[in-house]
Amino acid sequence: RDVPVTNTPKSNVSRLESTYLEYIHVPKDWRRDRDSIDALLQRYRVIAAVFGVMGALFAFAQHELVLQGLDPQGPLVTACKAACTACTAMCLFRIHRIYMLIELFERVVRHITNLHPLDVQVPVALPLSIRSFWLEVIVVGTHVPPFLTMEVGFKNFDNFILYRAETLGALWCSFRVYLLWRVMRDYILMNLPRRHTVSTFSEVNMGSSLAIKILLNSPRAAANILLVWFFLILLCAYWWRAVEATACQFGSQTLDTRCDDDNALSWNLGVVGTEFEKHNDNYFWNAIWVCWVSLSTAGYGEITPTTHLGRCVACVVSFIGIMIFAVLTAAFSNSLRWT
């Protein structure tokens, strides 16, 4: 009668409550949580895209400064090159971290589906064994570093054309726009309910292909396609303007003596009657007009490419225009269906 009774229902409930409170206050290891890894992946992709695009903008700035006649080794151009190098290094660091997080995410998925032992320690050197990582290093890491400048000249039909390293570097840095697509893809897929669970058990990869299908089948499909069309016009116009300009007519002094030859000033397109005086057209609206009429498959022909690279850009623009119009027609047809 004097022994206290402790094994009562009330005491058991209190014990369970205390155990639960202790459990929920234990810090959770984010490396074992799939959603936490995915959220960090999205954040790192945004940061990588920001630094990548900023580096590309600094590369564009250095090209424009050289195009306007500034010294390629002057302080302002060198500052742009240094800023581009710093942004490139930060972008590459984030890309390295992204590949490590992707490996950790796949380990967690294998642990959930196949009960594989989960090792959350991902080696730092693991991305170095992945080919796609090195491909991104080449695409993102190639740029013109500070205190480096050079000229590349070659034959263009019977003419001589000269390109500066700043021009070629800016063109290459423009390929970094692919980083923006990853951010856009994450934004499109982030609101899908339980997408990781559905992807795991249905064995369907919810990646870029699904994001494109969602864009093309949404009520705003036509607006999305027109927005991509406008962006491609601006990008292709920049390519056109850059490859059609010869560095022999830049304001800065060139070291290549071939710029004094007649075929560096008086050009022809390899056909009799096509002789003309070469002048750089730095007016950006003319480049936009060329890409507009090419993307719309009209092609009036009052402005024609005069370089091999210019013709390559024109071919790419025409092909993109055909694809855009085909997809736009399908989007309009889908929106006009009877419901």
C-alpha atoms as a PDB file:
ATOM      1  CA  ARG A   1       0.000   0.000   0.000  1.00  0.00           C
ATOM      2  CA  ASP A   2       2.940   2.340   0.663  1.00  0.00           C
ATOM      3  CA  VAL A   3       4.711   1.539  -2.688  1.00  0.00           C
ATOM      4  CA  PRO A   4       4.088   4.337  -5.239  1.00  0.00           C
ATOM      5  CA  VAL A   5       2.392   3.252  -8.422  1.00  0.00           C
ATOM      6  CA  THR A   6       4.351   4.528 -11.419  1.00  0.00           C
ATOM      7  CA  ASN A   7       3.064   2.323 -14.217  1.00  0.00           C
ATOM      8  CA  THR A   8      -0.198   4.181 -14.669  1.00  0.00           C
ATOM      9  CA  PRO A   9      -1.611   5.310 -18.013  1.00  0.00           C
ATOM     10  CA  LYS A  10      -0.962   8.922 -17.087  1.00  0.00           C
ATOM     11  CA  SER A  11       2.702   8.257 -16.353  1.00  0.00           C
ATOM     12  CA  ASN A  12       3.108   6.331 -19.633  1.00  0.00           C
ATOM     13  CA  VAL A  13       1.627   9.223 -21.581  1.00  0.00           C
ATOM     14  CA  SER A  14       3.961  11.655 -19.873  1.00  0.00           C
ATOM     15  CA  ARG A  15       6.917   9.434 -20.677  1.00  0.00           C
ATOM     16  CA  LEU A  16       5.905   9.245 -24.363  1.00  0.00           C
ATOM     17  CA  GLU A  17       5.452  12.981 -24.511  1.00  0.00           C
ATOM     18  CA  SER A  18       8.900  13.614 -23.070  1.00  0.00           C
ATOM     19  CA  THR A  19      10.473  11.107 -25.478  1.00  0.00           C
ATOM     20  CA  TYR A  20       8.733  12.748 -28.448  1.00  0.00           C
ATOM     21  CA  LEU A  21       9.829  16.203 -27.365  1.00  0.00           C
ATOM     22  CA  GLU A  22      13.410  14.995 -27.062  1.00  0.00           C
ATOM     23  CA  TYR A  23      13.183  13.452 -30.553  1.00  0.00           C
ATOM     24  CA  ILE A  24      11.846  16.497 -32.344  1.00  0.00           C
ATOM     25  CA  HIS A  25      14.502  18.729 -30.772  1.00  0.00           C
ATOM     26  CA  VAL A  26      17.360  16.555 -32.012  1.00  0.00           C
ATOM     27  CA  PRO A  27      19.154  18.444 -34.842  1.00  0.00           C
ATOM     28  CA  LYS A  28      18.394  16.812 -38.167  1.00  0.00           C
ATOM     29  CA  ASP A  29      21.302  16.043 -40.498  1.00  0.00           C
ATOM     30  CA  TRP A  30      20.459  17.816 -43.752  1.00  0.00           C
ATOM     31  CA  ARG A  31      22.717  15.407 -45.644  1.00  0.00           C
ATOM     32  CA  ARG A  32      20.219  12.633 -44.965  1.00  0.00           C
ATOM     33  CA  ASP A  33      17.171  14.612 -46.032  1.00  0.00           C
ATOM     34  CA  ARG A  34      16.313  14.574 -49.711  1.00  0.00           C
ATOM     35  CA  ASP A  35      14.280  17.778 -49.663  1.00  0.00           C
ATOM     36  CA  SER A  36      17.026  19.697 -47.860  1.00  0.00           C
ATOM     37  CA  ILE A  37      19.589  18.584 -50.431  1.00  0.00           C
ATOM     38  CA  ASP A  38      17.263  19.564 -53.273  1.00  0.00           C
ATOM     39  CA  ALA A  39      16.667  23.016 -51.758  1.00  0.00           C
ATOM     40  CA  LEU A  40      20.415  23.547 -51.419  1.00  0.00           C
ATOM     41  CA  LEU A  41      20.899  22.398 -55.018  1.00  0.00           C
ATOM     42  CA  GLN A  42      18.414  24.982 -56.242  1.00  0.00           C
ATOM     43  CA  ARG A  43      20.146  27.687 -54.221  1.00  0.00           C
ATOM     44  CA  TYR A  44      23.574  26.774 -55.609  1.00  0.00           C
ATOM     45  CA  ARG A  45      22.244  26.746 -59.166  1.00  0.00           C
ATOM     46  CA  VAL A  46      20.936  30.278 -58.700  1.00  0.00           C
ATOM     47  CA  ILE A  47      24.284  31.425 -57.307  1.00  0.00           C
ATOM     48  CA  ALA A  48      26.199  29.736 -60.143  1.00  0.00           C
ATOM     49  CA  ALA A  49      23.912  31.343 -62.722  1.00  0.00           C
ATOM     50  CA  VAL A  50      24.336  34.791 -61.144  1.00  0.00           C
ATOM     51  CA  PHE A  51      28.131  34.590 -61.147  1.00  0.00           C
ATOM     52  CA  GLY A  52      28.217  33.023 -64.627  1.00  0.00           C
ATOM     53  CA  VAL A  53      26.025  35.712 -66.173  1.00  0.00           C
ATOM     54  CA  MET A  54      27.926  38.468 -64.357  1.00  0.00           C
ATOM     55  CA  GLY A  55      31.178  37.107 -65.779  1.00  0.00           C
ATOM     56  CA  ALA A  56      29.646  37.072 -69.256  1.00  0.00           C
ATOM     57  CA  LEU A  57      28.509  40.689 -68.846  1.00  0.00           C
ATOM     58  CA  PHE A  58      32.036  41.740 -67.875  1.00  0.00           C
ATOM     59  CA  ALA A  59      33.326  39.904 -70.958  1.00  0.00           C
ATOM     60  CA  PHE A  60      30.796  41.794 -73.110  1.00  0.00           C
ATOM     61  CA  ALA A  61      31.924  45.044 -71.492  1.00  0.00           C
ATOM     62  CA  GLN A  62      35.589  44.456 -72.290  1.00  0.00           C
ATOM     63  CA  HIS A  63      34.695  43.650 -75.904  1.00  0.00           C
ATOM     64  CA  GLU A  64      32.630  46.814 -76.236  1.00  0.00           C
ATOM     65  CA  LEU A  65      35.443  48.918 -74.757  1.00  0.00           C
ATOM     66  CA  VAL A  66      37.953  47.490 -77.227  1.00  0.00           C
ATOM     67  CA  LEU A  67      35.430  47.977 -80.032  1.00  0.00           C
ATOM     68  CA  GLN A  68      35.189  51.664 -79.117  1.00  0.00           C
ATOM     69  CA  GLY A  69      38.963  52.086 -79.392  1.00  0.00           C
ATOM     70  CA  LEU A  70      40.229  51.627 -75.804  1.00  0.00           C
ATOM     71  CA  ASP A  71      43.594  50.000 -75.211  1.00  0.00           C
ATOM     72  CA  PRO A  72      43.108  46.221 -74.616  1.00  0.00           C
ATOM     73  CA  GLN A  73      45.754  46.419 -71.897  1.00  0.00           C
ATOM     74  CA  GLY A  74      44.417  49.629 -70.391  1.00  0.00           C
ATOM     75  CA  PRO A  75      43.194  49.848 -66.788  1.00  0.00           C
ATOM     76  CA  LEU A  76      39.467  49.821 -67.588  1.00  0.00           C
ATOM     77  CA  VAL A  77      39.639  46.777 -69.867  1.00  0.00           C
ATOM     78  CA  THR A  78      41.953  45.005 -67.409  1.00  0.00           C
ATOM     79  CA  ALA A  79      39.492  45.693 -64.579  1.00  0.00           C
ATOM     80  CA  CYS A  80      36.695  44.085 -66.616  1.00  0.00           C
ATOM     81  CA  LYS A  81      38.911  41.068 -67.276  1.00  0.00           C
ATOM     82  CA  ALA A  82      39.751  40.745 -63.579  1.00  0.00           C
ATOM     83  CA  ALA A  83      36.078  40.960 -62.620  1.00  0.00           C
ATOM     84  CA  CYS A  84      35.258  38.307 -65.242  1.00  0.00           C
ATOM     85  CA  THR A  85      37.973  36.038 -63.809  1.00  0.00           C
ATOM     86  CA  ALA A  86      36.665  36.465 -60.249  1.00  0.00           C
ATOM     87  CA  CYS A  87      33.067  35.696 -61.293  1.00  0.00           C
ATOM     88  CA  THR A  88      34.265  32.700 -63.294  1.00  0.00           C
ATOM     89  CA  ALA A  89      36.138  31.282 -60.305  1.00  0.00           C
ATOM     90  CA  MET A  90      33.089  31.663 -58.050  1.00  0.00           C
ATOM     91  CA  CYS A  91      30.860  30.056 -60.672  1.00  0.00           C
ATOM     92  CA  LEU A  92      33.210  27.080 -61.081  1.00  0.00           C
ATOM     93  CA  PHE A  93      33.349  26.621 -57.303  1.00  0.00           C
ATOM     94  CA  ARG A  94      29.557  26.467 -57.118  1.00  0.00           C
ATOM     95  CA  ILE A  95      29.382  24.068 -60.059  1.00  0.00           C
ATOM     96  CA  HIS A  96      31.811  21.778 -58.224  1.00  0.00           C
ATOM     97  CA  ARG A  97      29.578  21.891 -55.152  1.00  0.00           C
ATOM     98  CA  ILE A  98      26.512  21.180 -57.314  1.00  0.00           C
ATOM     99  CA  TYR A  99      28.050  17.955 -58.598  1.00  0.00           C
ATOM    100  CA  MET A 100      28.870  16.887 -55.055  1.00  0.00           C
ATOM    101  CA  LEU A 101      25.278  17.548 -53.979  1.00  0.00           C
ATOM    102  CA  ILE A 102      23.927  15.630 -56.980  1.00  0.00           C
ATOM    103  CA  GLU A 103      25.993  12.611 -55.919  1.00  0.00           C
ATOM    104  CA  LEU A 104      24.730  12.944 -52.347  1.00  0.00           C
ATOM    105  CA  PHE A 105      21.136  13.229 -53.596  1.00  0.00           C
ATOM    106  CA  GLU A 106      21.506  10.044 -55.666  1.00  0.00           C
ATOM    107  CA  ARG A 107      22.931   8.209 -52.657  1.00  0.00           C
ATOM    108  CA  VAL A 108      19.940   9.201 -50.569  1.00  0.00           C
ATOM    109  CA  VAL A 109      17.571   8.028 -53.310  1.00  0.00           C
ATOM    110  CA  ARG A 110      19.352   4.658 -53.517  1.00  0.00           C
ATOM    111  CA  HIS A 111      19.157   4.374 -49.743  1.00  0.00           C
ATOM    112  CA  ILE A 112      15.398   5.007 -49.812  1.00  0.00           C
ATOM    113  CA  THR A 113      14.542   2.726 -52.719  1.00  0.00           C
ATOM    114  CA  ASN A 114      17.072  -0.122 -52.389  1.00  0.00           C
ATOM    115  CA  LEU A 115      18.097   0.242 -48.719  1.00  0.00           C
ATOM    116  CA  HIS A 116      21.732   0.755 -49.681  1.00  0.00           C
ATOM    117  CA  PRO A 117      23.982   1.892 -46.839  1.00  0.00           C
ATOM    118  CA  LEU A 118      24.061   5.670 -46.825  1.00  0.00           C
ATOM    119  CA  ASP A 119      27.466   7.332 -46.829  1.00  0.00           C
ATOM    120  CA  VAL A 120      27.037  11.097 -46.567  1.00  0.00           C
ATOM    121  CA  GLN A 121      30.755  11.812 -46.960  1.00  0.00           C
ATOM    122  CA  VAL A 122      31.175  12.709 -50.649  1.00  0.00           C
ATOM    123  CA  PRO A 123      34.843  12.997 -51.694  1.00  0.00           C
ATOM    124  CA  VAL A 124      35.860  16.441 -52.898  1.00  0.00           C
ATOM    125  CA  ALA A 125      37.665  14.904 -55.885  1.00  0.00           C
ATOM    126  CA  LEU A 126      34.624  12.917 -57.049  1.00  0.00           C
ATOM    127  CA  PRO A 127      33.409  15.510 -59.638  1.00  0.00           C
ATOM    128  CA  LEU A 128      36.822  15.278 -61.329  1.00  0.00           C
ATOM    129  CA  SER A 129      35.878  11.803 -62.593  1.00  0.00           C
ATOM    130  CA  ILE A 130      32.671  13.018 -64.286  1.00  0.00           C
ATOM    131  CA  ARG A 131      32.883  14.011 -67.952  1.00  0.00           C
ATOM    132  CA  SER A 132      30.020  16.477 -67.832  1.00  0.00           C
ATOM    133  CA  PHE A 133      31.818  18.354 -65.047  1.00  0.00           C
ATOM    134  CA  TRP A 134      34.866  18.866 -67.254  1.00  0.00           C
ATOM    135  CA  LEU A 135      32.627  19.936 -70.116  1.00  0.00           C
ATOM    136  CA  GLU A 136      31.146  22.626 -67.895  1.00  0.00           C
ATOM    137  CA  VAL A 137      34.629  23.640 -66.766  1.00  0.00           C
ATOM    138  CA  ILE A 138      35.569  24.204 -70.416  1.00  0.00           C
ATOM    139  CA  VAL A 139      32.383  26.105 -71.247  1.00  0.00           C
ATOM    140  CA  VAL A 140      32.363  28.273 -68.110  1.00  0.00           C
ATOM    141  CA  GLY A 141      36.079  28.512 -67.398  1.00  0.00           C
ATOM    142  CA  THR A 142      37.281  29.632 -70.821  1.00  0.00           C
ATOM    143  CA  HIS A 143      37.702  33.414 -70.801  1.00  0.00           C
ATOM    144  CA  VAL A 144      40.307  36.121 -71.351  1.00  0.00           C
ATOM    145  CA  PRO A 145      42.238  36.668 -68.097  1.00  0.00           C
ATOM    146  CA  PRO A 146      43.777  40.004 -67.096  1.00  0.00           C
ATOM    147  CA  PHE A 147      46.890  41.256 -68.904  1.00  0.00           C
ATOM    148  CA  LEU A 148      46.305  38.876 -71.806  1.00  0.00           C
ATOM    149  CA  THR A 149      45.463  40.081 -75.290  1.00  0.00           C
ATOM    150  CA  MET A 150      46.133  38.681 -78.724  1.00  0.00           C
ATOM    151  CA  GLU A 151      44.991  38.862 -82.326  1.00  0.00           C
ATOM    152  CA  VAL A 152      43.877  36.080 -84.638  1.00  0.00           C
ATOM    153  CA  GLY A 153      43.795  36.722 -88.370  1.00  0.00           C
ATOM    154  CA  PHE A 154      42.862  34.457 -91.279  1.00  0.00           C
ATOM    155  CA  LYS A 155      41.579  34.466 -94.819  1.00  0.00           C
ATOM    156  CA  ASN A 156      37.919  35.192 -95.431  1.00  0.00           C
ATOM    157  CA  PHE A 157      37.188  34.399 -99.074  1.00  0.00           C
ATOM    158  CA  ASP A 158      39.980  36.458-100.716  1.00  0.00           C
ATOM    159  CA  ASN A 159      39.953  38.952 -97.884  1.00  0.00           C
ATOM    160  CA  PHE A 160      41.778  39.300 -94.578  1.00  0.00           C
ATOM    161  CA  ILE A 161      39.860  39.531 -91.304  1.00  0.00           C
ATOM    162  CA  LEU A 162      41.278  40.025 -87.845  1.00  0.00           C
ATOM    163  CA  TYR A 163      39.633  39.118 -84.529  1.00  0.00           C
ATOM    164  CA  ARG A 164      40.797  40.144 -81.084  1.00  0.00           C
ATOM    165  CA  ALA A 165      40.865  37.759 -78.124  1.00  0.00           C
ATOM    166  CA  GLU A 166      38.369  39.999 -76.329  1.00  0.00           C
ATOM    167  CA  THR A 167      35.842  39.456 -79.118  1.00  0.00           C
ATOM    168  CA  LEU A 168      36.290  35.681 -79.203  1.00  0.00           C
ATOM    169  CA  GLY A 169      36.216  35.502 -75.408  1.00  0.00           C
ATOM    170  CA  ALA A 170      32.953  37.449 -75.233  1.00  0.00           C
ATOM    171  CA  LEU A 171      31.390  35.156 -77.825  1.00  0.00           C
ATOM    172  CA  TRP A 172      32.442  32.081 -75.867  1.00  0.00           C
ATOM    173  CA  CYS A 173      31.202  33.512 -72.565  1.00  0.00           C
ATOM    174  CA  SER A 174      27.752  33.977 -74.108  1.00  0.00           C
ATOM    175  CA  PHE A 175      27.306  30.184 -73.939  1.00  0.00           C
ATOM    176  CA  ARG A 176      26.989  30.527 -70.171  1.00  0.00           C
ATOM    177  CA  VAL A 177      23.327  31.324 -70.662  1.00  0.00           C
ATOM    178  CA  TYR A 178      22.661  27.599 -70.270  1.00  0.00           C
ATOM    179  CA  LEU A 179      23.024  28.193 -66.516  1.00  0.00           C
ATOM    180  CA  LEU A 180      19.819  30.242 -66.631  1.00  0.00           C
ATOM    181  CA  TRP A 181      17.877  27.275 -67.952  1.00  0.00           C
ATOM    182  CA  ARG A 182      18.690  25.236 -64.846  1.00  0.00           C
ATOM    183  CA  VAL A 183      17.255  27.961 -62.648  1.00  0.00           C
ATOM    184  CA  MET A 184      14.170  28.200 -64.834  1.00  0.00           C
ATOM    185  CA  ARG A 185      13.744  24.409 -64.808  1.00  0.00           C
ATOM    186  CA  ASP A 186      13.864  24.306 -61.011  1.00  0.00           C
ATOM    187  CA  TYR A 187      11.302  27.101 -60.849  1.00  0.00           C
ATOM    188  CA  ILE A 188       8.940  25.213 -63.175  1.00  0.00           C
ATOM    189  CA  LEU A 189       9.223  21.896 -61.320  1.00  0.00           C
ATOM    190  CA  MET A 190       9.376  23.135 -57.735  1.00  0.00           C
ATOM    191  CA  ASN A 191       5.594  23.332 -57.331  1.00  0.00           C
ATOM    192  CA  LEU A 192       4.884  19.789 -58.498  1.00  0.00           C
ATOM    193  CA  PRO A 193       3.446  17.821 -55.527  1.00  0.00           C
ATOM    194  CA  ARG A 194       5.763  15.095 -54.215  1.00  0.00           C
ATOM    195  CA  ARG A 195       7.762  15.114 -57.422  1.00  0.00           C
ATOM    196  CA  HIS A 196      10.724  13.239 -55.933  1.00  0.00           C
ATOM    197  CA  THR A 197       8.518  10.468 -54.571  1.00  0.00           C
ATOM    198  CA  VAL A 198       6.653  10.135 -57.860  1.00  0.00           C
ATOM    199  CA  SER A 199       9.920  10.203 -59.818  1.00  0.00           C
ATOM    200  CA  THR A 200      11.482   7.531 -57.615  1.00  0.00           C
ATOM    201  CA  PHE A 201       8.635   5.012 -57.734  1.00  0.00           C
ATOM    202  CA  SER A 202       7.602   5.649 -61.345  1.00  0.00           C
ATOM    203  CA  GLU A 203      11.236   5.706 -62.546  1.00  0.00           C
ATOM    204  CA  VAL A 204      10.493   8.833 -64.569  1.00  0.00           C
ATOM    205  CA  ASN A 205      13.189  11.491 -64.686  1.00  0.00           C
ATOM    206  CA  MET A 206      11.557  14.816 -63.870  1.00  0.00           C
ATOM    207  CA  GLY A 207      14.147  17.030 -65.502  1.00  0.00           C
ATOM    208  CA  SER A 208      14.513  19.321 -68.485  1.00  0.00           C
ATOM    209  CA  SER A 209      12.277  17.303 -70.818  1.00  0.00           C
ATOM    210  CA  LEU A 210       9.343  17.476 -68.385  1.00  0.00           C
ATOM    211  CA  ALA A 211       9.923  21.203 -67.818  1.00  0.00           C
ATOM    212  CA  ILE A 212       9.811  21.842 -71.575  1.00  0.00           C
ATOM    213  CA  LYS A 213       6.578  19.841 -71.879  1.00  0.00           C
ATOM    214  CA  ILE A 214       5.018  21.852 -69.058  1.00  0.00           C
ATOM    215  CA  LEU A 215       6.036  25.114 -70.764  1.00  0.00           C
ATOM    216  CA  LEU A 216       4.620  24.039 -74.127  1.00  0.00           C
ATOM    217  CA  ASN A 217       1.355  22.730 -72.685  1.00  0.00           C
ATOM    218  CA  SER A 218       0.609  25.514 -70.250  1.00  0.00           C
ATOM    219  CA  PRO A 219      -2.020  28.192 -70.956  1.00  0.00           C
ATOM    220  CA  ARG A 220       0.846  30.657 -71.428  1.00  0.00           C
ATOM    221  CA  ALA A 221       2.729  28.488 -73.929  1.00  0.00           C
ATOM    222  CA  ALA A 222       2.597  31.056 -76.732  1.00  0.00           C
ATOM    223  CA  ALA A 223       3.852  33.819 -74.419  1.00  0.00           C
ATOM    224  CA  ASN A 224       6.698  31.575 -73.211  1.00  0.00           C
ATOM    225  CA  ILE A 225       7.766  30.802 -76.779  1.00  0.00           C
ATOM    226  CA  LEU A 226       7.662  34.475 -77.779  1.00  0.00           C
ATOM    227  CA  LEU A 227       9.795  35.343 -74.753  1.00  0.00           C
ATOM    228  CA  VAL A 228      12.388  32.734 -75.771  1.00  0.00           C
ATOM    229  CA  TRP A 229      12.209  34.070 -79.330  1.00  0.00           C
ATOM    230  CA  PHE A 230      12.962  37.611 -78.170  1.00  0.00           C
ATOM    231  CA  PHE A 231      15.888  36.423 -76.038  1.00  0.00           C
ATOM    232  CA  LEU A 232      17.366  34.446 -78.945  1.00  0.00           C
ATOM    233  CA  ILE A 233      17.082  37.482 -81.228  1.00  0.00           C
ATOM    234  CA  LEU A 234      19.174  39.550 -78.808  1.00  0.00           C
ATOM    235  CA  LEU A 235      21.756  36.785 -78.350  1.00  0.00           C
ATOM    236  CA  CYS A 236      22.094  36.042 -82.067  1.00  0.00           C
ATOM    237  CA  ALA A 237      22.274  39.763 -82.859  1.00  0.00           C
ATOM    238  CA  TYR A 238      25.241  40.068 -80.540  1.00  0.00           C
ATOM    239  CA  TRP A 239      26.926  37.115 -82.267  1.00  0.00           C
ATOM    240  CA  TRP A 240      26.262  38.622 -85.696  1.00  0.00           C
ATOM    241  CA  ARG A 241      27.621  42.046 -84.764  1.00  0.00           C
ATOM    242  CA  ALA A 242      30.768  40.552 -83.225  1.00  0.00           C
ATOM    243  CA  VAL A 243      31.744  38.148 -86.019  1.00  0.00           C
ATOM    244  CA  GLU A 244      31.056  40.651 -88.803  1.00  0.00           C
ATOM    245  CA  ALA A 245      33.503  43.233 -87.367  1.00  0.00           C
ATOM    246  CA  THR A 246      37.200  43.145 -88.211  1.00  0.00           C
ATOM    247  CA  ALA A 247      39.713  44.329 -85.625  1.00  0.00           C
ATOM    248  CA  CYS A 248      41.645  46.114 -88.372  1.00  0.00           C
ATOM    249  CA  GLN A 249      39.085  48.906 -88.043  1.00  0.00           C
ATOM    250  CA  PHE A 250      38.971  49.085 -84.260  1.00  0.00           C
ATOM    251  CA  GLY A 251      40.099  52.353 -82.749  1.00  0.00           C
ATOM    252  CA  SER A 252      42.946  50.664 -80.872  1.00  0.00           C
ATOM    253  CA  GLN A 253      46.246  50.094 -82.604  1.00  0.00           C
ATOM    254  CA  THR A 254      46.795  46.648 -84.073  1.00  0.00           C
ATOM    255  CA  LEU A 255      50.128  44.866 -84.346  1.00  0.00           C
ATOM    256  CA  ASP A 256      49.225  42.808 -87.410  1.00  0.00           C
ATOM    257  CA  THR A 257      50.756  44.412 -90.481  1.00  0.00           C
ATOM    258  CA  ARG A 258      48.370  42.539 -92.780  1.00  0.00           C
ATOM    259  CA  CYS A 259      45.716  45.116 -91.867  1.00  0.00           C
ATOM    260  CA  ASP A 260      47.548  47.511 -94.225  1.00  0.00           C
ATOM    261  CA  ASP A 261      47.024  45.225 -97.222  1.00  0.00           C
ATOM    262  CA  ASP A 262      44.400  46.034 -99.828  1.00  0.00           C
ATOM    263  CA  ASN A 263      42.401  42.884 -99.141  1.00  0.00           C
ATOM    264  CA  ALA A 264      41.884  44.038 -95.528  1.00  0.00           C
ATOM    265  CA  LEU A 265      39.968  47.117 -96.727  1.00  0.00           C
ATOM    266  CA  SER A 266      38.571  46.227-100.156  1.00  0.00           C
ATOM    267  CA  TRP A 267      36.558  43.050 -99.878  1.00  0.00           C
ATOM    268  CA  ASN A 268      34.723  40.735-102.243  1.00  0.00           C
ATOM    269  CA  LEU A 269      32.571  37.671-101.707  1.00  0.00           C
ATOM    270  CA  GLY A 270      34.416  35.486-104.182  1.00  0.00           C
ATOM    271  CA  VAL A 271      32.103  36.394-107.069  1.00  0.00           C
ATOM    272  CA  VAL A 272      32.687  38.980-109.780  1.00  0.00           C
ATOM    273  CA  GLY A 273      30.784  42.174-109.072  1.00  0.00           C
ATOM    274  CA  THR A 274      30.676  41.777-105.286  1.00  0.00           C
ATOM    275  CA  GLU A 275      33.534  44.161-104.487  1.00  0.00           C
ATOM    276  CA  PHE A 276      32.911  46.638-101.659  1.00  0.00           C
ATOM    277  CA  GLU A 277      34.720  48.659 -99.041  1.00  0.00           C
ATOM    278  CA  LYS A 278      34.673  46.905 -95.672  1.00  0.00           C
ATOM    279  CA  HIS A 279      33.276  49.013 -92.823  1.00  0.00           C
ATOM    280  CA  ASN A 280      32.314  47.707 -89.395  1.00  0.00           C
ATOM    281  CA  ASP A 281      28.627  48.154 -88.667  1.00  0.00           C
ATOM    282  CA  ASN A 282      28.532  48.704 -84.905  1.00  0.00           C
ATOM    283  CA  TYR A 283      24.873  49.743 -84.892  1.00  0.00           C
ATOM    284  CA  PHE A 284      23.201  47.057 -82.774  1.00  0.00           C
ATOM    285  CA  TRP A 285      19.728  47.671 -84.187  1.00  0.00           C
ATOM    286  CA  ASN A 286      20.940  46.598 -87.637  1.00  0.00           C
ATOM    287  CA  ALA A 287      22.080  43.278 -86.165  1.00  0.00           C
ATOM    288  CA  ILE A 288      18.703  42.881 -84.441  1.00  0.00           C
ATOM    289  CA  TRP A 289      16.959  43.566 -87.759  1.00  0.00           C
ATOM    290  CA  VAL A 290      19.021  40.902 -89.552  1.00  0.00           C
ATOM    291  CA  CYS A 291      18.265  38.302 -86.893  1.00  0.00           C
ATOM    292  CA  TRP A 292      14.595  39.298 -86.812  1.00  0.00           C
ATOM    293  CA  VAL A 293      14.058  38.773 -90.526  1.00  0.00           C
ATOM    294  CA  SER A 294      16.113  35.568 -90.406  1.00  0.00           C
ATOM    295  CA  LEU A 295      14.259  34.116 -87.414  1.00  0.00           C
ATOM    296  CA  SER A 296      10.954  34.991 -89.062  1.00  0.00           C
ATOM    297  CA  THR A 297      12.209  33.143 -92.208  1.00  0.00           C
ATOM    298  CA  ALA A 298      11.572  36.270 -94.308  1.00  0.00           C
ATOM    299  CA  GLY A 299      15.168  37.263 -95.101  1.00  0.00           C
ATOM    300  CA  TYR A 300      14.893  40.457 -97.138  1.00  0.00           C
ATOM    301  CA  GLY A 301      18.584  40.379 -98.062  1.00  0.00           C
ATOM    302  CA  GLU A 302      19.455  44.084 -97.801  1.00  0.00           C
ATOM    303  CA  ILE A 303      22.055  43.110 -95.167  1.00  0.00           C
ATOM    304  CA  THR A 304      24.018  39.952 -95.924  1.00  0.00           C
ATOM    305  CA  PRO A 305      26.854  38.183 -94.089  1.00  0.00           C
ATOM    306  CA  THR A 306      30.338  38.959 -95.367  1.00  0.00           C
ATOM    307  CA  THR A 307      32.323  36.514 -93.229  1.00  0.00           C
ATOM    308  CA  HIS A 308      32.362  32.754 -92.806  1.00  0.00           C
ATOM    309  CA  LEU A 309      31.372  33.040 -89.150  1.00  0.00           C
ATOM    310  CA  GLY A 310      28.616  35.454 -90.131  1.00  0.00           C
ATOM    311  CA  ARG A 311      27.195  32.860 -92.505  1.00  0.00           C
ATOM    312  CA  CYS A 312      27.373  30.231 -89.748  1.00  0.00           C
ATOM    313  CA  VAL A 313      25.405  32.533 -87.450  1.00  0.00           C
ATOM    314  CA  ALA A 314      22.853  33.132 -90.228  1.00  0.00           C
ATOM    315  CA  CYS A 315      22.400  29.366 -90.667  1.00  0.00           C
ATOM    316  CA  VAL A 316      21.912  28.868 -86.928  1.00  0.00           C
ATOM    317  CA  VAL A 317      19.421  31.746 -86.783  1.00  0.00           C
ATOM    318  CA  SER A 318      17.412  30.373 -89.734  1.00  0.00           C
ATOM    319  CA  PHE A 319      17.290  26.896 -88.205  1.00  0.00           C
ATOM    320  CA  ILE A 320      16.156  28.303 -84.843  1.00  0.00           C
ATOM    321  CA  GLY A 321      13.485  30.340 -86.648  1.00  0.00           C
ATOM    322  CA  ILE A 322      12.054  27.234 -88.316  1.00  0.00           C
ATOM    323  CA  MET A 323      11.932  25.395 -84.983  1.00  0.00           C
ATOM    324  CA  ILE A 324      10.383  28.346 -83.149  1.00  0.00           C
ATOM    325  CA  PHE A 325       7.653  28.764 -85.746  1.00  0.00           C
ATOM    326  CA  ALA A 326       6.841  25.049 -85.687  1.00  0.00           C
ATOM    327  CA  VAL A 327       6.524  25.026 -81.896  1.00  0.00           C
ATOM    328  CA  LEU A 328       4.597  28.317 -81.891  1.00  0.00           C
ATOM    329  CA  THR A 329       2.109  26.939 -84.427  1.00  0.00           C
ATOM    330  CA  ALA A 330       1.594  23.840 -82.281  1.00  0.00           C
ATOM    331  CA  ALA A 331       1.066  26.016 -79.188  1.00  0.00           C
ATOM    332  CA  PHE A 332      -1.549  28.155 -80.935  1.00  0.00           C
ATOM    333  CA  SER A 333      -3.294  25.045 -82.253  1.00  0.00           C
ATOM    334  CA  ASN A 334      -3.367  23.571 -78.760  1.00  0.00           C
ATOM    335  CA  SER A 335      -4.822  26.769 -77.279  1.00  0.00           C
ATOM    336  CA  LEU A 336      -7.582  26.943 -79.926  1.00  0.00           C
ATOM    337  CA  ARG A 337      -8.921  23.424 -79.344  1.00  0.00           C
ATOM    338  CA  TRP A 338     -12.598  22.945 -78.466  1.00  0.00           C
ATOM    339  CA  THR A 339     -13.213  22.391 -74.770  1.00  0.00           C
END
